Protein backbone atom coordinates (compact mmCIF):
# COMPACT_ATOMS: atom_id res chain seq x y z
CA MET A 1 -10.94 -17.71 2.24
CA PRO A 2 -7.92 -16.34 0.27
CA VAL A 3 -8.44 -15.43 -3.38
CA GLU A 4 -5.86 -15.97 -6.27
CA LEU A 5 -4.43 -12.51 -7.01
CA HIS A 6 -3.25 -11.13 -10.29
CA HIS A 7 0.43 -10.46 -10.06
CA ARG A 8 3.73 -9.89 -11.84
CA PHE A 9 6.93 -11.47 -10.59
CA ARG A 10 10.25 -10.10 -11.93
CA GLY A 11 13.82 -10.95 -11.32
CA LYS A 12 16.26 -13.85 -10.87
CA ARG A 13 15.20 -16.70 -8.66
CA GLY A 14 17.39 -16.83 -5.69
CA SER A 15 17.62 -13.04 -5.34
CA PRO A 16 16.03 -11.52 -2.12
CA ALA A 17 12.27 -11.19 -2.66
CA LEU A 18 10.49 -7.81 -2.36
CA VAL A 19 6.64 -7.52 -2.39
CA PHE A 20 4.84 -4.28 -3.27
CA THR A 21 1.32 -3.69 -2.16
CA GLY A 22 -0.51 -0.63 -3.40
CA SER A 23 -3.06 1.92 -2.39
CA LEU A 24 -6.80 1.83 -2.37
CA GLY A 25 -8.03 2.62 -5.87
CA THR A 26 -4.79 1.66 -7.73
CA ASP A 27 -3.38 -1.41 -9.42
CA LEU A 28 0.10 -2.96 -9.57
CA THR A 29 1.31 -0.49 -12.20
CA MET A 30 1.74 2.10 -9.53
CA TRP A 31 5.02 0.38 -8.52
CA GLU A 32 6.60 0.33 -11.95
CA PRO A 33 9.28 2.92 -11.03
CA GLN A 34 10.40 1.02 -8.04
CA SER A 35 10.14 -2.40 -9.74
CA GLU A 36 12.27 -1.08 -12.65
CA LEU A 37 15.02 0.27 -10.44
CA LEU A 38 15.09 -2.35 -7.79
CA GLY A 39 14.59 -5.24 -10.21
CA PRO A 40 18.37 -5.95 -10.64
CA ARG A 41 18.78 -6.38 -6.95
CA PHE A 42 15.65 -8.22 -5.99
CA CYS A 43 12.85 -10.59 -7.19
CA THR A 44 10.05 -8.11 -7.17
CA LEU A 45 6.39 -9.11 -6.75
CA ARG A 46 3.63 -6.70 -7.57
CA TYR A 47 0.03 -7.62 -7.31
CA ASP A 48 -3.51 -6.25 -7.41
CA ILE A 49 -5.31 -6.55 -4.04
CA ARG A 50 -8.66 -8.19 -4.09
CA GLY A 51 -11.36 -6.01 -5.69
CA HIS A 52 -8.73 -4.12 -7.71
CA GLY A 53 -7.16 -4.26 -11.11
CA ARG A 54 -7.41 -7.82 -12.53
CA SER A 55 -7.76 -9.62 -9.25
CA PRO A 56 -11.14 -11.26 -8.30
CA VAL A 57 -13.88 -9.28 -6.62
CA PRO A 58 -15.40 -11.53 -3.95
CA PRO A 59 -18.50 -10.22 -2.15
CA GLY A 60 -17.69 -7.90 0.69
CA PRO A 61 -17.20 -6.66 3.30
CA TYR A 62 -13.50 -7.45 3.57
CA SER A 63 -11.14 -7.15 6.51
CA ILE A 64 -7.40 -6.31 6.66
CA ALA A 65 -7.00 -9.96 7.87
CA ASP A 66 -8.62 -11.07 4.61
CA LEU A 67 -6.31 -8.97 2.53
CA GLY A 68 -3.27 -10.00 4.48
CA SER A 69 -4.17 -13.70 4.21
CA ASP A 70 -4.52 -13.17 0.42
CA LEU A 71 -0.83 -12.05 0.35
CA VAL A 72 0.41 -14.91 2.52
CA ALA A 73 -1.38 -17.28 0.18
CA LEU A 74 0.20 -15.65 -2.92
CA MET A 75 3.62 -16.02 -1.42
CA ASP A 76 2.87 -19.70 -0.70
CA ARG A 77 1.75 -20.24 -4.25
CA LEU A 78 4.91 -18.69 -5.67
CA GLY A 79 7.20 -20.50 -3.24
CA ILE A 80 8.38 -17.35 -1.47
CA GLU A 81 9.16 -18.40 2.12
CA ARG A 82 10.36 -14.95 3.20
CA ALA A 83 10.35 -11.51 1.71
CA SER A 84 10.65 -7.89 2.46
CA LEU A 85 7.33 -6.07 2.21
CA CYS A 86 6.75 -2.55 0.92
CA GLY A 87 3.17 -1.18 1.13
CA LEU A 88 1.54 2.11 0.69
CA SER A 89 -1.70 3.30 2.35
CA ILE A 90 -3.95 0.17 2.55
CA GLY A 91 -0.88 -1.73 1.22
CA GLY A 92 0.97 -0.62 4.31
CA MET A 93 -1.90 -1.83 6.51
CA ILE A 94 -1.78 -5.21 4.81
CA SER A 95 2.00 -5.40 5.22
CA MET A 96 1.75 -4.56 8.90
CA TRP A 97 -0.82 -7.24 9.42
CA VAL A 98 1.47 -9.88 7.77
CA ALA A 99 4.50 -8.71 9.72
CA ALA A 100 2.53 -9.02 13.00
CA HIS A 101 0.69 -12.23 12.24
CA ALA A 102 3.24 -14.14 10.10
CA PRO A 103 6.53 -12.66 11.33
CA GLU A 104 8.54 -15.64 9.91
CA ARG A 105 7.57 -14.57 6.41
CA VAL A 106 8.89 -11.01 6.70
CA ASP A 107 12.56 -9.90 6.32
CA ARG A 108 12.24 -6.12 6.35
CA LEU A 109 9.29 -3.86 6.21
CA VAL A 110 8.71 -0.53 4.38
CA LEU A 111 5.63 1.45 5.15
CA CYS A 112 4.59 4.38 3.04
CA SER A 113 1.89 6.94 3.68
CA THR A 114 -0.10 4.65 5.92
CA SER A 115 -1.79 4.42 9.29
CA ALA A 116 -2.38 1.86 12.03
CA GLN A 117 -5.90 3.22 12.69
CA LEU A 118 -7.64 5.58 10.20
CA GLY A 119 -10.91 6.96 11.39
CA PRO A 120 -13.51 8.14 11.60
CA ARG A 121 -15.25 4.90 10.88
CA GLU A 122 -18.40 6.66 9.62
CA SER A 123 -16.54 8.53 6.83
CA TRP A 124 -15.32 5.26 5.38
CA LEU A 125 -18.72 3.73 5.51
CA GLU A 126 -20.16 6.78 3.82
CA ARG A 127 -17.61 6.59 1.12
CA ALA A 128 -18.35 2.93 0.53
CA ALA A 129 -22.08 3.81 0.26
CA VAL A 130 -21.35 6.54 -2.34
CA VAL A 131 -19.17 4.28 -4.45
CA ARG A 132 -21.66 1.42 -4.45
CA ALA A 133 -24.35 3.76 -5.62
CA ASP A 134 -22.49 5.86 -8.08
CA GLY A 135 -19.13 4.18 -8.89
CA VAL A 136 -15.59 5.19 -8.00
CA GLY A 137 -15.62 8.02 -10.55
CA ALA A 138 -17.95 9.95 -8.24
CA ILE A 139 -15.14 10.43 -5.73
CA ALA A 140 -12.23 10.65 -8.14
CA ASP A 141 -11.62 14.45 -7.96
CA ALA A 142 -11.54 14.35 -4.10
CA VAL A 143 -9.19 11.34 -4.07
CA LEU A 144 -6.83 12.78 -6.60
CA GLY A 145 -6.72 15.95 -4.51
CA ARG A 146 -5.38 13.93 -1.61
CA TRP A 147 -3.00 11.75 -3.74
CA PHE A 148 -0.87 14.58 -5.21
CA THR A 149 0.31 18.11 -4.22
CA ALA A 150 -1.09 20.90 -6.30
CA GLY A 151 2.27 21.75 -7.69
CA PHE A 152 2.82 18.14 -9.02
CA ALA A 153 -0.72 18.02 -10.42
CA ALA A 154 -0.03 21.23 -12.37
CA ALA A 155 3.32 20.09 -13.59
CA ARG A 156 2.40 16.43 -14.52
CA PRO A 157 -1.16 16.42 -15.84
CA GLU A 158 -0.48 13.25 -17.72
CA VAL A 159 0.24 11.36 -14.51
CA ILE A 160 -2.95 12.76 -12.98
CA GLU A 161 -5.08 11.52 -15.89
CA ARG A 162 -3.41 8.11 -15.97
CA MET A 163 -4.14 7.69 -12.24
CA ARG A 164 -7.62 9.00 -12.69
CA GLY A 165 -8.29 6.22 -15.22
CA ILE A 166 -6.94 3.57 -12.91
CA LEU A 167 -9.00 4.86 -9.99
CA SER A 168 -12.23 5.28 -11.88
CA SER A 169 -12.02 1.82 -13.43
CA THR A 170 -11.73 0.12 -10.03
CA ASP A 171 -14.60 -2.15 -9.34
CA ARG A 172 -17.20 -0.36 -7.11
CA GLU A 173 -17.73 -3.39 -4.85
CA GLY A 174 -14.04 -4.03 -4.51
CA TYR A 175 -13.34 -0.46 -3.61
CA ALA A 176 -16.23 -0.21 -1.21
CA SER A 177 -15.40 -3.48 0.50
CA CYS A 178 -11.81 -2.18 1.08
CA CYS A 179 -13.24 0.99 2.59
CA GLU A 180 -15.07 -1.19 5.08
CA ALA A 181 -11.81 -3.01 5.87
CA ILE A 182 -10.16 0.31 6.67
CA ALA A 183 -13.22 1.38 8.70
CA ASP A 184 -12.90 -1.56 11.07
CA MET A 185 -9.07 -1.65 11.20
CA ASP A 186 -7.11 -1.00 14.41
CA LEU A 187 -3.46 -2.35 14.24
CA ARG A 188 -2.09 -0.24 17.07
CA GLU A 189 -1.70 -3.15 19.45
CA ASP A 190 -0.71 -5.67 16.76
CA ILE A 191 2.27 -3.76 15.45
CA LYS A 192 3.93 -3.63 18.81
CA SER A 193 5.00 -7.23 18.26
CA ILE A 194 6.58 -6.65 14.83
CA SER A 195 10.25 -7.72 14.92
CA ALA A 196 11.18 -6.99 11.35
CA PRO A 197 13.47 -3.90 10.75
CA THR A 198 11.04 -1.20 9.64
CA LEU A 199 11.22 2.05 7.67
CA VAL A 200 8.29 4.36 7.79
CA ILE A 201 7.94 7.07 5.02
CA ALA A 202 5.45 9.90 5.14
CA GLY A 203 4.63 12.76 2.75
CA ALA A 204 4.77 16.08 4.46
CA GLU A 205 1.77 17.41 2.53
CA ASP A 206 -0.31 14.17 2.76
CA PRO A 207 -3.88 14.98 3.93
CA ALA A 208 -4.97 11.33 3.86
CA THR A 209 -2.39 9.98 6.23
CA PRO A 210 -0.54 12.93 7.64
CA PRO A 211 2.96 12.46 9.04
CA GLU A 212 1.78 12.03 12.65
CA HIS A 213 0.23 8.72 11.58
CA GLY A 214 3.58 7.49 10.37
CA GLN A 215 5.22 8.89 13.50
CA LEU A 216 2.85 6.85 15.65
CA ILE A 217 3.66 3.64 13.69
CA ALA A 218 7.39 4.33 14.17
CA GLU A 219 6.87 4.72 17.86
CA LEU A 220 4.92 1.59 18.23
CA ILE A 221 7.15 -0.76 16.11
CA PRO A 222 10.33 -1.43 18.13
CA GLY A 223 13.41 0.21 16.45
CA ALA A 224 11.50 1.55 13.44
CA HIS A 225 13.02 4.48 11.49
CA PHE A 226 10.87 7.42 10.38
CA GLU A 227 11.36 9.69 7.33
CA VAL A 228 9.29 12.66 5.99
CA ILE A 229 9.44 13.66 2.31
CA SER A 230 8.53 17.08 1.19
CA PRO A 231 6.94 18.13 -1.08
CA ALA A 232 4.82 14.90 -1.33
CA ALA A 233 1.19 14.07 -0.77
CA HIS A 234 -0.34 10.60 -0.37
CA LEU A 235 1.16 8.79 -3.33
CA ALA A 236 4.64 9.82 -2.47
CA THR A 237 6.26 6.95 -4.38
CA ILE A 238 4.70 8.28 -7.63
CA GLU A 239 5.28 11.97 -6.88
CA ARG A 240 8.88 11.45 -5.68
CA PRO A 241 9.95 8.18 -7.27
CA ASP A 242 13.71 8.76 -7.31
CA LEU A 243 13.90 9.87 -3.70
CA THR A 244 11.57 7.21 -2.31
CA THR A 245 13.19 4.41 -4.26
CA ALA A 246 16.66 5.48 -3.10
CA MET A 247 15.39 5.51 0.52
CA ILE A 248 13.90 2.03 0.10
CA LEU A 249 17.05 0.56 -1.54
CA ARG A 250 19.29 2.04 1.04
CA PHE A 251 17.18 0.58 3.84
CA LEU A 252 16.83 -2.80 2.32
CA THR A 253 20.51 -3.27 1.61
CA GLU A 254 22.17 -1.75 4.72
CA PRO A 255 23.60 -4.24 7.23
């Protein structure tokens, strides 16, 4: 059953709607640069996925279908019949699920640092077990090492500490249950039916979802366009906000 998600809706009603869905271990604040710059052109919707931020934490395990149904229900509640979706990591997985299973709700699709199938399954189940036992802080150093390049981490320590705080404060059950959703996810067949124009963005230095994962998505979604950003690791939209936002804006506004 869908849960009511914490969200922020910004912009003038009647403008095209753009929905941002974030990464595992983040909250809706990760999209502030994009919402700020794209707000004048779009009604932007940012939200915390279940188990994250200020959204409810129902008992797990979760599935990508659960998370996708949450987003469709949120759009229904806000009266958004159709929107462009922009998702990163698990947010991209959720966006792909919605585009494949509710295609009439999706205008255009932007997929950042994500994957259609991200194994091995056992590693996600092991991570879920560690987090349930010791909290998300126990894996924070390893996760931050995948989120940002070493050069960015050295140059912007304040961003690293802000993201560490958001990550470490994530509810352990919510995080673990989303790990289980990723463990059991395989969207490779589903996304072949996606009809929405699609842009796939990958970080060249992303160890979590390397560029070949984005390349595969672009090959499976008819007509999808693929871009690689360097230097950038997993949270490319935070590490390279001006470049990624310009790419997103250009894609969403081109004929």
